[in-house]
């Protein structure tokens, strides 16, 4: 039982460290202007997050932002849909594609789906 608890605690610390790594790797939010898009994320609990990204940033940065932001809501396995209906998930998305190439620019409405719900 002590071993179980220790393993559980170890996994928890690893998750926290991973989130901290992601948090520190997040780019600074750019000021609004040319070449910058505003994303409005609708979270499964109905709340919204808003964040600006440079159009030349990689799709992976969106996932990093969501990993950090959704951690408190305990949502780990998710996908998101951007209007018009295009779905992005960690399994199916090229993380190195720029937001411009993914046609995710301007004002982007994003619906986050908890795949474990």
C-alpha atoms as a PDB file:
ATOM      1  CA  UNK A   1       0.000   0.000   0.000  1.00  0.00           C
ATOM      2  CA  UNK A   2       2.884   2.372   0.762  1.00  0.00           C
ATOM      3  CA  UNK A   3       4.304   1.571  -2.650  1.00  0.00           C
ATOM      4  CA  UNK A   4       0.947   2.347  -4.313  1.00  0.00           C
ATOM      5  CA  UNK A   5       0.791   5.700  -2.525  1.00  0.00           C
ATOM      6  CA  UNK A   6       4.378   6.505  -3.446  1.00  0.00           C
ATOM      7  CA  UNK A   7       3.742   5.628  -7.099  1.00  0.00           C
ATOM      8  CA  UNK A   8       0.579   7.696  -7.127  1.00  0.00           C
ATOM      9  CA  UNK A   9       2.398  10.654  -5.583  1.00  0.00           C
ATOM     10  CA  UNK A  10       5.248  10.254  -8.063  1.00  0.00           C
ATOM     11  CA  UNK A  11       2.816  10.300 -11.018  1.00  0.00           C
ATOM     12  CA  UNK A  12       1.122  13.386  -9.581  1.00  0.00           C
ATOM     13  CA  UNK A  13       4.464  15.188  -9.258  1.00  0.00           C
ATOM     14  CA  UNK A  14       5.382  14.196 -12.824  1.00  0.00           C
ATOM     15  CA  UNK A  15       2.096  15.636 -14.116  1.00  0.00           C
ATOM     16  CA  UNK A  16       2.687  18.879 -12.217  1.00  0.00           C
ATOM     17  CA  UNK A  17       6.235  19.116 -13.584  1.00  0.00           C
ATOM     18  CA  UNK A  18       4.971  18.502 -17.126  1.00  0.00           C
ATOM     19  CA  UNK A  19       2.357  21.270 -16.763  1.00  0.00           C
ATOM     20  CA  UNK A  20       5.038  23.620 -15.428  1.00  0.00           C
ATOM     21  CA  UNK A  21       7.274  22.791 -18.412  1.00  0.00           C
ATOM     22  CA  UNK A  22       4.387  23.530 -20.768  1.00  0.00           C
ATOM     23  CA  UNK A  23       3.518  26.737 -18.902  1.00  0.00           C
ATOM     24  CA  UNK A  24       7.097  27.995 -19.242  1.00  0.00           C
ATOM     25  CA  UNK A  25       7.238  27.018 -22.931  1.00  0.00           C
ATOM     26  CA  UNK A  26       4.130  29.076 -23.747  1.00  0.00           C
ATOM     27  CA  UNK A  27       4.966  32.082 -25.843  1.00  0.00           C
ATOM     28  CA  UNK A  28       4.135  35.464 -24.403  1.00  0.00           C
ATOM     29  CA  UNK A  29       0.706  36.623 -25.523  1.00  0.00           C
ATOM     30  CA  UNK A  30       1.201  39.108 -28.380  1.00  0.00           C
ATOM     31  CA  UNK A  31      -0.530  42.466 -28.535  1.00  0.00           C
ATOM     32  CA  UNK A  32      -3.455  42.738 -30.956  1.00  0.00           C
ATOM     33  CA  UNK A  33      -2.424  43.832 -34.431  1.00  0.00           C
ATOM     34  CA  UNK A  34      -1.366  42.626 -37.842  1.00  0.00           C
ATOM     35  CA  UNK A  35      -0.415  38.945 -37.973  1.00  0.00           C
ATOM     36  CA  UNK A  36      -2.105  38.237 -34.632  1.00  0.00           C
ATOM     37  CA  UNK A  37      -5.317  36.245 -34.192  1.00  0.00           C
ATOM     38  CA  UNK A  38      -7.709  36.111 -31.254  1.00  0.00           C
ATOM     39  CA  UNK A  39      -8.951  32.718 -30.133  1.00  0.00           C
ATOM     40  CA  UNK A  40     -12.059  32.313 -28.010  1.00  0.00           C
ATOM     41  CA  UNK A  41     -12.150  28.847 -26.464  1.00  0.00           C
ATOM     42  CA  UNK A  42     -15.487  27.472 -25.209  1.00  0.00           C
ATOM     43  CA  UNK A  43     -14.679  24.978 -22.464  1.00  0.00           C
ATOM     44  CA  UNK A  44     -16.980  21.982 -21.720  1.00  0.00           C
ATOM     45  CA  UNK A  45     -18.207  23.595 -18.464  1.00  0.00           C
ATOM     46  CA  UNK A  46     -19.524  26.545 -20.517  1.00  0.00           C
ATOM     47  CA  UNK A  47     -16.789  28.990 -19.530  1.00  0.00           C
ATOM     48  CA  UNK A  48     -14.604  30.797 -22.061  1.00  0.00           C
ATOM     49  CA  UNK A  49     -10.927  31.492 -22.416  1.00  0.00           C
ATOM     50  CA  UNK A  50      -9.548  34.148 -24.735  1.00  0.00           C
ATOM     51  CA  UNK A  51      -5.951  34.312 -25.944  1.00  0.00           C
ATOM     52  CA  UNK A  52      -4.081  35.903 -28.831  1.00  0.00           C
ATOM     53  CA  UNK A  53      -1.512  33.985 -30.897  1.00  0.00           C
ATOM     54  CA  UNK A  54       0.771  35.077 -33.723  1.00  0.00           C
ATOM     55  CA  UNK A  55      -0.381  33.644 -37.067  1.00  0.00           C
ATOM     56  CA  UNK A  56       3.071  32.100 -37.619  1.00  0.00           C
ATOM     57  CA  UNK A  57       2.925  30.132 -34.357  1.00  0.00           C
ATOM     58  CA  UNK A  58       2.551  26.370 -34.548  1.00  0.00           C
ATOM     59  CA  UNK A  59      -0.641  24.463 -33.811  1.00  0.00           C
ATOM     60  CA  UNK A  60       1.239  22.745 -31.004  1.00  0.00           C
ATOM     61  CA  UNK A  61       1.173  26.050 -29.101  1.00  0.00           C
ATOM     62  CA  UNK A  62      -2.651  25.909 -29.028  1.00  0.00           C
ATOM     63  CA  UNK A  63      -2.466  22.433 -27.481  1.00  0.00           C
ATOM     64  CA  UNK A  64       0.179  23.615 -24.986  1.00  0.00           C
ATOM     65  CA  UNK A  65      -2.068  26.533 -23.990  1.00  0.00           C
ATOM     66  CA  UNK A  66      -5.068  24.200 -23.604  1.00  0.00           C
ATOM     67  CA  UNK A  67      -3.069  21.587 -21.647  1.00  0.00           C
ATOM     68  CA  UNK A  68      -2.091  24.274 -19.142  1.00  0.00           C
ATOM     69  CA  UNK A  69      -5.533  25.934 -19.075  1.00  0.00           C
ATOM     70  CA  UNK A  70      -7.561  22.721 -18.793  1.00  0.00           C
ATOM     71  CA  UNK A  71      -5.405  21.228 -16.062  1.00  0.00           C
ATOM     72  CA  UNK A  72      -7.502  22.818 -13.282  1.00  0.00           C
ATOM     73  CA  UNK A  73     -10.678  21.422 -14.870  1.00  0.00           C
ATOM     74  CA  UNK A  74      -8.936  18.023 -14.899  1.00  0.00           C
ATOM     75  CA  UNK A  75      -9.473  17.632 -18.664  1.00  0.00           C
ATOM     76  CA  UNK A  76      -6.565  15.698 -20.145  1.00  0.00           C
ATOM     77  CA  UNK A  77      -7.992  13.983 -23.206  1.00  0.00           C
ATOM     78  CA  UNK A  78      -9.632  16.493 -25.519  1.00  0.00           C
ATOM     79  CA  UNK A  79     -10.125  17.594 -29.082  1.00  0.00           C
ATOM     80  CA  UNK A  80     -11.255  20.934 -30.399  1.00  0.00           C
ATOM     81  CA  UNK A  81     -13.339  22.099 -33.297  1.00  0.00           C
ATOM     82  CA  UNK A  82     -12.852  25.426 -34.998  1.00  0.00           C
ATOM     83  CA  UNK A  83     -15.474  27.018 -37.187  1.00  0.00           C
ATOM     84  CA  UNK A  84     -16.057  26.029 -39.965  1.00  0.00           C
ATOM     85  CA  UNK A  85     -16.119  22.484 -38.661  1.00  0.00           C
ATOM     86  CA  UNK A  86     -12.553  21.305 -38.591  1.00  0.00           C
ATOM     87  CA  UNK A  87     -11.448  19.039 -35.780  1.00  0.00           C
ATOM     88  CA  UNK A  88      -8.022  18.993 -34.184  1.00  0.00           C
ATOM     89  CA  UNK A  89      -6.709  16.400 -31.726  1.00  0.00           C
ATOM     90  CA  UNK A  90      -3.314  15.337 -30.426  1.00  0.00           C
ATOM     91  CA  UNK A  91      -3.470  12.128 -32.504  1.00  0.00           C
ATOM     92  CA  UNK A  92      -4.604  13.634 -35.799  1.00  0.00           C
ATOM     93  CA  UNK A  93      -2.987  17.078 -35.900  1.00  0.00           C
ATOM     94  CA  UNK A  94       0.338  18.142 -37.366  1.00  0.00           C
ATOM     95  CA  UNK A  95       1.648  20.177 -34.413  1.00  0.00           C
ATOM     96  CA  UNK A  96       4.264  21.901 -36.594  1.00  0.00           C
ATOM     97  CA  UNK A  97       1.698  23.424 -38.953  1.00  0.00           C
ATOM     98  CA  UNK A  98       1.400  27.182 -38.546  1.00  0.00           C
ATOM     99  CA  UNK A  99      -1.923  28.749 -37.605  1.00  0.00           C
ATOM    100  CA  UNK A 100      -1.900  30.471 -41.013  1.00  0.00           C
ATOM    101  CA  UNK A 101      -1.460  27.149 -42.841  1.00  0.00           C
ATOM    102  CA  UNK A 102      -4.236  25.619 -40.708  1.00  0.00           C
ATOM    103  CA  UNK A 103      -6.441  28.601 -41.663  1.00  0.00           C
ATOM    104  CA  UNK A 104      -6.924  29.494 -37.993  1.00  0.00           C
ATOM    105  CA  UNK A 105      -6.525  33.245 -38.228  1.00  0.00           C
ATOM    106  CA  UNK A 106      -8.549  36.346 -37.434  1.00  0.00           C
ATOM    107  CA  UNK A 107     -11.122  35.824 -34.724  1.00  0.00           C
ATOM    108  CA  UNK A 108     -11.321  32.090 -34.141  1.00  0.00           C
ATOM    109  CA  UNK A 109     -14.140  30.408 -32.205  1.00  0.00           C
ATOM    110  CA  UNK A 110     -12.980  27.116 -30.754  1.00  0.00           C
ATOM    111  CA  UNK A 111     -15.131  24.490 -29.032  1.00  0.00           C
ATOM    112  CA  UNK A 112     -13.205  22.174 -26.723  1.00  0.00           C
ATOM    113  CA  UNK A 113     -14.585  18.671 -26.241  1.00  0.00           C
ATOM    114  CA  UNK A 114     -13.669  16.448 -23.287  1.00  0.00           C
ATOM    115  CA  UNK A 115     -13.130  13.032 -24.871  1.00  0.00           C
ATOM    116  CA  UNK A 116     -13.376  11.289 -21.482  1.00  0.00           C
ATOM    117  CA  UNK A 117     -16.808  12.734 -20.642  1.00  0.00           C
END
